[in-house]
C-alpha atoms as a PDB file:
ATOM      1  CA  MET A   1     353.486  88.764-119.373  1.00  0.00           C
ATOM      2  CA  LEU A   2     352.146  89.681-115.561  1.00  0.00           C
ATOM      3  CA  SER A   3     350.626  93.043-115.080  1.00  0.00           C
ATOM      4  CA  VAL A   4     350.317  93.813-111.420  1.00  0.00           C
ATOM      5  CA  SER A   5     349.355  97.517-111.992  1.00  0.00           C
ATOM      6  CA  PRO A   6     350.515  99.894-114.242  1.00  0.00           C
ATOM      7  CA  ARG A   7     354.510 100.587-112.621  1.00  0.00           C
ATOM      8  CA  ILE A   8     354.858  96.846-112.373  1.00  0.00           C
ATOM      9  CA  GLN A   9     354.687  94.719-115.568  1.00  0.00           C
ATOM     10  CA  ILE A  10     356.839  91.286-115.333  1.00  0.00           C
ATOM     11  CA  PRO A  11     357.847  89.938-118.719  1.00  0.00           C
ATOM     12  CA  ASP A  12     357.363  86.132-119.126  1.00  0.00           C
ATOM     13  CA  TYR A  13     361.067  85.439-119.567  1.00  0.00           C
ATOM     14  CA  GLU A  14     362.035  86.224-116.119  1.00  0.00           C
ATOM     15  CA  LEU A  15     359.500  84.377-114.658  1.00  0.00           C
ATOM     16  CA  ARG A  16     360.533  80.354-114.545  1.00  0.00           C
ATOM     17  CA  PHE A  17     358.342  77.688-114.215  1.00  0.00           C
ATOM     18  CA  SER A  18     359.092  74.155-113.216  1.00  0.00           C
ATOM     19  CA  PHE A  19     355.997  71.323-112.946  1.00  0.00           C
ATOM     20  CA  VAL A  20     356.801  68.301-110.658  1.00  0.00           C
ATOM     21  CA  ARG A  21     354.478  65.202-108.843  1.00  0.00           C
ATOM     22  CA  SER A  22     351.999  66.772-106.222  1.00  0.00           C
ATOM     23  CA  SER A  23     352.323  65.626-102.634  1.00  0.00           C
ATOM     24  CA  GLY A  24     349.266  64.084-100.333  1.00  0.00           C
ATOM     25  CA  PRO A  25     346.410  61.508-101.264  1.00  0.00           C
ATOM     26  CA  GLY A  26     345.253  61.389-105.125  1.00  0.00           C
ATOM     27  CA  GLY A  27     345.610  57.909-105.998  1.00  0.00           C
ATOM     28  CA  GLN A  28     346.633  56.656-109.306  1.00  0.00           C
ATOM     29  CA  ASN A  29     346.629  60.948-110.926  1.00  0.00           C
ATOM     30  CA  VAL A  30     348.910  61.965-107.961  1.00  0.00           C
ATOM     31  CA  ASN A  31     351.699  59.154-108.768  1.00  0.00           C
ATOM     32  CA  LYS A  32     352.069  59.792-112.688  1.00  0.00           C
ATOM     33  CA  VAL A  33     351.415  63.753-113.462  1.00  0.00           C
ATOM     34  CA  ASN A  34     353.685  66.433-112.761  1.00  0.00           C
ATOM     35  CA  THR A  35     350.542  69.045-111.821  1.00  0.00           C
ATOM     36  CA  LYS A  36     352.199  70.952-109.046  1.00  0.00           C
ATOM     37  CA  ALA A  37     353.260  74.457-110.008  1.00  0.00           C
ATOM     38  CA  VAL A  38     356.978  75.762-108.791  1.00  0.00           C
ATOM     39  CA  LEU A  39     357.396  79.544-110.059  1.00  0.00           C
ATOM     40  CA  ARG A  40     361.074  81.158-109.605  1.00  0.00           C
ATOM     41  CA  TRP A  41     361.242  84.575-109.868  1.00  0.00           C
ATOM     42  CA  SER A  42     364.772  87.158-109.650  1.00  0.00           C
ATOM     43  CA  ALA A  43     363.495  89.757-107.647  1.00  0.00           C
ATOM     44  CA  GLN A  44     366.892  91.273-107.116  1.00  0.00           C
ATOM     45  CA  SER A  45     367.893  91.525-110.964  1.00  0.00           C
ATOM     46  CA  SER A  46     364.319  91.886-112.277  1.00  0.00           C
ATOM     47  CA  ALA A  47     364.503  94.888-114.909  1.00  0.00           C
ATOM     48  CA  ALA A  48     360.916  95.258-114.564  1.00  0.00           C
ATOM     49  CA  LEU A  49     360.763  96.337-110.721  1.00  0.00           C
ATOM     50  CA  PRO A  50     361.255  99.917-109.899  1.00  0.00           C
ATOM     51  CA  ASP A  51     363.830 100.135-107.063  1.00  0.00           C
ATOM     52  CA  ASP A  52     361.875 101.378-104.317  1.00  0.00           C
ATOM     53  CA  ILE A  53     359.366  98.734-104.767  1.00  0.00           C
ATOM     54  CA  ARG A  54     362.249  96.092-105.104  1.00  0.00           C
ATOM     55  CA  GLN A  55     363.665  97.416-101.584  1.00  0.00           C
ATOM     56  CA  ARG A  56     360.422  96.885 -99.906  1.00  0.00           C
ATOM     57  CA  PHE A  57     360.038  93.654-101.451  1.00  0.00           C
ATOM     58  CA  LEU A  58     363.065  92.406-100.457  1.00  0.00           C
ATOM     59  CA  ALA A  59     362.474  93.884 -97.092  1.00  0.00           C
ATOM     60  CA  ARG A  60     359.503  92.176 -96.433  1.00  0.00           C
ATOM     61  CA  TYR A  61     360.020  88.801 -97.785  1.00  0.00           C
ATOM     62  CA  ALA A  62     363.808  88.126 -97.181  1.00  0.00           C
ATOM     63  CA  ARG A  63     362.928  85.183 -95.322  1.00  0.00           C
ATOM     64  CA  ARG A  64     361.287  83.572 -98.371  1.00  0.00           C
ATOM     65  CA  ILE A  65     364.036  84.765-101.070  1.00  0.00           C
ATOM     66  CA  THR A  66     366.667  81.871-101.363  1.00  0.00           C
ATOM     67  CA  THR A  67     370.350  82.620-101.249  1.00  0.00           C
ATOM     68  CA  ASP A  68     370.493  82.997-105.063  1.00  0.00           C
ATOM     69  CA  GLY A  69     368.067  85.751-105.084  1.00  0.00           C
ATOM     70  CA  GLU A  70     364.803  84.582-106.183  1.00  0.00           C
ATOM     71  CA  ILE A  71     361.486  83.810-104.618  1.00  0.00           C
ATOM     72  CA  VAL A  72     360.100  80.335-105.145  1.00  0.00           C
ATOM     73  CA  ILE A  73     356.006  80.223-105.142  1.00  0.00           C
ATOM     74  CA  SER A  74     354.357  76.677-105.589  1.00  0.00           C
ATOM     75  CA  SER A  75     351.261  75.544-106.161  1.00  0.00           C
ATOM     76  CA  GLN A  76     349.722  72.074-106.035  1.00  0.00           C
ATOM     77  CA  ARG A  77     345.767  73.154-105.475  1.00  0.00           C
ATOM     78  CA  PHE A  78     344.092  72.058-108.705  1.00  0.00           C
ATOM     79  CA  ARG A  79     344.390  68.742-110.528  1.00  0.00           C
ATOM     80  CA  GLU A  80     345.503  71.014-113.734  1.00  0.00           C
ATOM     81  CA  GLN A  81     348.870  72.245-114.184  1.00  0.00           C
ATOM     82  CA  GLY A  82     347.572  75.557-116.070  1.00  0.00           C
ATOM     83  CA  GLN A  83     345.447  76.181-113.311  1.00  0.00           C
ATOM     84  CA  ASN A  84     348.430  75.314-110.656  1.00  0.00           C
ATOM     85  CA  GLN A  85     350.246  77.889-112.386  1.00  0.00           C
ATOM     86  CA  ARG A  86     347.747  80.736-112.815  1.00  0.00           C
ATOM     87  CA  ASP A  87     347.796  80.782-108.546  1.00  0.00           C
ATOM     88  CA  CYS A  88     351.330  80.931-108.765  1.00  0.00           C
ATOM     89  CA  LEU A  89     350.852  84.095-110.954  1.00  0.00           C
ATOM     90  CA  GLN A  90     347.742  85.458-108.514  1.00  0.00           C
ATOM     91  CA  LYS A  91     350.226  84.415-105.425  1.00  0.00           C
ATOM     92  CA  LEU A  92     353.152  86.129-106.862  1.00  0.00           C
ATOM     93  CA  SER A  93     350.953  89.429-108.233  1.00  0.00           C
ATOM     94  CA  GLU A  94     349.275  89.681-104.447  1.00  0.00           C
ATOM     95  CA  LEU A  95     352.867  89.380-102.793  1.00  0.00           C
ATOM     96  CA  LEU A  96     353.856  92.737-105.312  1.00  0.00           C
ATOM     97  CA  ILE A  97     350.674  94.457-104.590  1.00  0.00           C
ATOM     98  CA  ALA A  98     351.375  94.235-100.791  1.00  0.00           C
ATOM     99  CA  VAL A  99     354.354  96.506-101.324  1.00  0.00           C
ATOM    100  CA  ALA A 100     353.606  98.573-104.197  1.00  0.00           C
ATOM    101  CA  THR A 101     352.572 101.553-102.266  1.00  0.00           C
ATOM    102  CA  ALA A 102     354.712 103.056 -99.785  1.00  0.00           C
ATOM    103  CA  PRO A 103     353.497 102.502 -95.822  1.00  0.00           C
ATOM    104  CA  LYS A 104     352.821 106.196 -94.551  1.00  0.00           C
ATOM    105  CA  ARG A 105     354.992 107.576 -92.556  1.00  0.00           C
ATOM    106  CA  ARG A 106     353.803 108.815 -88.732  1.00  0.00           C
ATOM    107  CA  ARG A 107     353.720 111.904 -87.728  1.00  0.00           C
ATOM    108  CA  PRO A 108     353.686 112.310 -84.127  1.00  0.00           C
ATOM    109  CA  SER A 109     351.179 113.835 -82.531  1.00  0.00           C
ATOM    110  CA  ARG A 110     350.868 115.896 -78.830  1.00  0.00           C
ATOM    111  CA  PRO A 111     348.625 115.474 -76.313  1.00  0.00           C
ATOM    112  CA  THR A 112     345.385 117.949 -76.026  1.00  0.00           C
ATOM    113  CA  LYS A 113     345.861 120.874 -73.604  1.00  0.00           C
ATOM    114  CA  ALA A 114     342.476 119.342 -71.846  1.00  0.00           C
ATOM    115  CA  SER A 115     344.079 115.635 -71.873  1.00  0.00           C
ATOM    116  CA  ILE A 116     347.212 117.220 -69.961  1.00  0.00           C
ATOM    117  CA  ARG A 117     345.073 118.618 -67.211  1.00  0.00           C
ATOM    118  CA  ARG A 118     343.204 115.790 -66.697  1.00  0.00           C
ATOM    119  CA  HIS A 119     346.637 113.724 -66.664  1.00  0.00           C
ATOM    120  CA  ARG A 120     347.469 115.562 -63.919  1.00  0.00           C
ATOM    121  CA  ALA A 121     344.460 116.222 -61.875  1.00  0.00           C
ATOM    122  CA  LYS A 122     344.320 112.484 -61.949  1.00  0.00           C
ATOM    123  CA  LYS A 123     348.039 112.062 -60.600  1.00  0.00           C
ATOM    124  CA  GLN A 124     347.334 114.708 -57.971  1.00  0.00           C
ATOM    125  CA  ALA A 125     343.645 112.456 -56.788  1.00  0.00           C
ATOM    126  CA  HIS A 126     346.064 109.498 -56.669  1.00  0.00           C
ATOM    127  CA  SER A 127     348.703 111.585 -54.324  1.00  0.00           C
ATOM    128  CA  GLN A 128     346.469 112.675 -52.059  1.00  0.00           C
ATOM    129  CA  LYS A 129     345.068 109.361 -51.415  1.00  0.00           C
ATOM    130  CA  LYS A 130     348.069 107.833 -50.699  1.00  0.00           C
ATOM    131  CA  GLN A 131     349.335 110.891 -48.377  1.00  0.00           C
ATOM    132  CA  GLN A 132     345.884 110.260 -46.349  1.00  0.00           C
ATOM    133  CA  ARG A 133     347.053 106.597 -45.962  1.00  0.00           C
ATOM    134  CA  ARG A 134     350.308 107.478 -43.934  1.00  0.00           C
ATOM    135  CA  GLN A 135     350.631 107.120 -40.020  1.00  0.00           C
ATOM    136  CA  LEU A 136     350.618 110.007 -38.157  1.00  0.00           C
ATOM    137  CA  PRO A 137     353.731 110.941 -36.255  1.00  0.00           C
ATOM    138  CA  ARG A 138     353.123 110.820 -32.763  1.00  0.00           C
ATOM    139  CA  ASP A 139     353.316 113.239 -30.021  1.00  0.00           C
ATOM    140  CA  GLU A 140     355.647 111.844 -27.053  1.00  0.00           C
END
Protein backbone atom coordinates (compact mmCIF):
# COMPACT_ATOMS: atom_id res chain seq x y z
CA MET A 1 0.00 0.00 0.00
CA LEU A 2 1.27 3.46 -0.95
CA SER A 3 0.62 5.73 2.02
CA VAL A 4 0.94 9.36 0.93
CA SER A 5 -1.02 11.02 3.74
CA PRO A 6 -3.76 10.00 6.18
CA ARG A 7 -6.35 10.88 3.52
CA ILE A 8 -4.52 9.29 0.58
CA GLN A 9 -3.64 5.60 0.79
CA ILE A 10 -3.53 3.71 -2.48
CA PRO A 11 -3.85 -0.08 -2.27
CA ASP A 12 -1.37 -2.25 -4.16
CA TYR A 13 -4.02 -3.79 -6.43
CA GLU A 14 -4.60 -0.37 -8.09
CA LEU A 15 -0.93 -0.01 -9.04
CA ARG A 16 0.28 -1.93 -12.10
CA PHE A 17 3.99 -2.35 -12.73
CA SER A 18 5.71 -3.57 -15.85
CA PHE A 19 9.43 -3.91 -16.47
CA VAL A 20 11.25 -3.27 -19.74
CA ARG A 21 14.81 -2.83 -20.88
CA SER A 22 16.39 0.51 -20.12
CA SER A 23 17.61 2.75 -22.89
CA GLY A 24 20.96 4.44 -23.19
CA PRO A 25 24.49 3.29 -22.49
CA GLY A 26 25.23 0.48 -20.05
CA GLY A 27 26.82 -2.36 -21.93
CA GLN A 28 25.69 -5.96 -21.70
CA ASN A 29 23.58 -5.39 -18.58
CA VAL A 30 21.22 -3.04 -20.44
CA ASN A 31 20.81 -5.49 -23.31
CA LYS A 32 19.71 -8.47 -21.22
CA VAL A 33 18.03 -7.24 -17.98
CA ASN A 34 14.61 -5.60 -17.67
CA THR A 35 15.33 -2.99 -15.01
CA LYS A 36 13.24 -0.02 -16.16
CA ALA A 37 10.04 0.18 -14.11
CA VAL A 38 6.81 1.55 -15.60
CA LEU A 39 3.96 2.33 -13.20
CA ARG A 40 0.37 2.67 -14.42
CA TRP A 41 -2.34 3.97 -12.13
CA SER A 42 -5.89 4.98 -12.99
CA ALA A 43 -6.57 8.21 -11.14
CA GLN A 44 -10.10 8.51 -12.57
CA SER A 45 -11.37 5.21 -11.24
CA SER A 46 -9.37 5.03 -8.01
CA ALA A 47 -11.55 4.55 -4.95
CA ALA A 48 -8.68 5.55 -2.66
CA LEU A 49 -8.57 9.12 -3.90
CA PRO A 50 -10.99 11.69 -2.40
CA ASP A 51 -13.05 13.57 -4.98
CA ASP A 52 -11.56 17.01 -4.35
CA ILE A 53 -8.01 15.70 -4.66
CA ARG A 54 -8.95 13.67 -7.76
CA GLN A 55 -10.31 16.78 -9.49
CA ARG A 56 -7.18 18.80 -8.72
CA PHE A 57 -4.95 15.89 -9.80
CA LEU A 58 -6.76 15.41 -13.11
CA ALA A 59 -6.77 19.15 -13.81
CA ARG A 60 -3.12 19.71 -12.98
CA TYR A 61 -1.70 16.63 -14.72
CA ALA A 62 -4.13 16.40 -17.65
CA ARG A 63 -1.26 16.33 -20.15
CA ARG A 64 0.33 13.32 -18.43
CA ILE A 65 -2.86 11.24 -18.35
CA THR A 66 -3.57 8.81 -21.18
CA THR A 67 -6.90 8.49 -23.01
CA ASP A 68 -7.71 5.54 -20.73
CA GLY A 69 -7.44 7.82 -17.70
CA GLU A 70 -4.15 6.34 -16.46
CA ILE A 71 -1.04 8.16 -15.41
CA VAL A 72 2.18 6.51 -16.59
CA ILE A 73 5.35 7.01 -14.55
CA SER A 74 8.65 5.38 -15.46
CA SER A 75 12.05 5.16 -13.82
CA GLN A 76 15.34 3.86 -15.15
CA ARG A 77 17.67 5.74 -12.85
CA PHE A 78 18.95 2.69 -11.00
CA ARG A 79 20.36 -0.67 -12.11
CA GLU A 80 17.90 -2.70 -10.03
CA GLN A 81 14.19 -3.28 -10.58
CA GLY A 82 13.30 -2.78 -6.93
CA GLN A 83 14.97 0.61 -6.71
CA ASN A 84 13.30 1.78 -9.90
CA GLN A 85 9.95 0.51 -8.59
CA ARG A 86 10.40 2.49 -5.35
CA ASP A 87 11.43 5.52 -7.41
CA CYS A 88 8.17 5.31 -9.39
CA LEU A 89 6.17 5.15 -6.17
CA GLN A 90 8.10 8.13 -4.82
CA LYS A 91 7.35 10.13 -7.97
CA LEU A 92 3.65 9.29 -7.72
CA SER A 93 3.52 10.29 -4.06
CA GLU A 94 5.20 13.62 -4.90
CA LEU A 95 2.56 14.29 -7.56
CA LEU A 96 -0.20 13.51 -5.07
CA ILE A 97 1.35 15.63 -2.30
CA ALA A 98 1.47 18.58 -4.70
CA VAL A 99 -2.34 18.50 -5.08
CA ALA A 100 -3.26 17.25 -1.61
CA THR A 101 -3.87 20.68 -0.11
CA ALA A 102 -6.34 23.04 -1.74
CA PRO A 103 -4.86 26.31 -2.96
CA LYS A 104 -5.77 29.36 -0.91
CA ARG A 105 -8.33 31.61 -2.52
CA ARG A 106 -7.11 35.08 -3.26
CA ARG A 107 -8.88 37.78 -1.30
CA PRO A 108 -8.84 41.01 -3.25
CA SER A 109 -7.34 43.90 -1.34
CA ARG A 110 -7.92 47.62 -1.62
CA PRO A 111 -5.22 50.27 -1.83
CA THR A 112 -4.63 52.34 1.29
CA LYS A 113 -5.70 55.99 1.47
CA ALA A 114 -2.08 57.11 1.64
CA SER A 115 -1.17 55.18 -1.52
CA ILE A 116 -4.16 56.71 -3.32
CA ARG A 117 -3.01 60.19 -2.22
CA ARG A 118 0.55 59.50 -3.44
CA HIS A 119 -0.75 58.18 -6.76
CA ARG A 120 -2.90 61.26 -7.34
CA ALA A 121 -0.05 63.61 -6.39
CA LYS A 122 2.26 61.84 -8.82
CA LYS A 123 -0.33 62.08 -11.60
CA GLN A 124 -0.87 65.76 -10.87
CA ALA A 125 2.88 66.48 -10.96
CA HIS A 126 3.16 64.61 -14.28
CA SER A 127 0.24 66.60 -15.69
CA GLN A 128 1.78 69.90 -14.64
CA LYS A 129 5.08 68.95 -16.24
CA LYS A 130 3.29 68.26 -19.51
CA GLN A 131 1.34 71.54 -19.31
CA GLN A 132 4.55 73.54 -18.84
CA ARG A 133 5.93 72.09 -22.08
CA ARG A 134 3.05 73.45 -24.14
CA GLN A 135 3.64 76.46 -26.35
CA LEU A 136 1.88 79.61 -25.29
CA PRO A 137 -0.47 81.16 -27.87
CA ARG A 138 0.93 84.21 -29.67
CA ASP A 139 -0.79 87.59 -29.49
CA GLU A 140 -1.11 89.17 -32.90
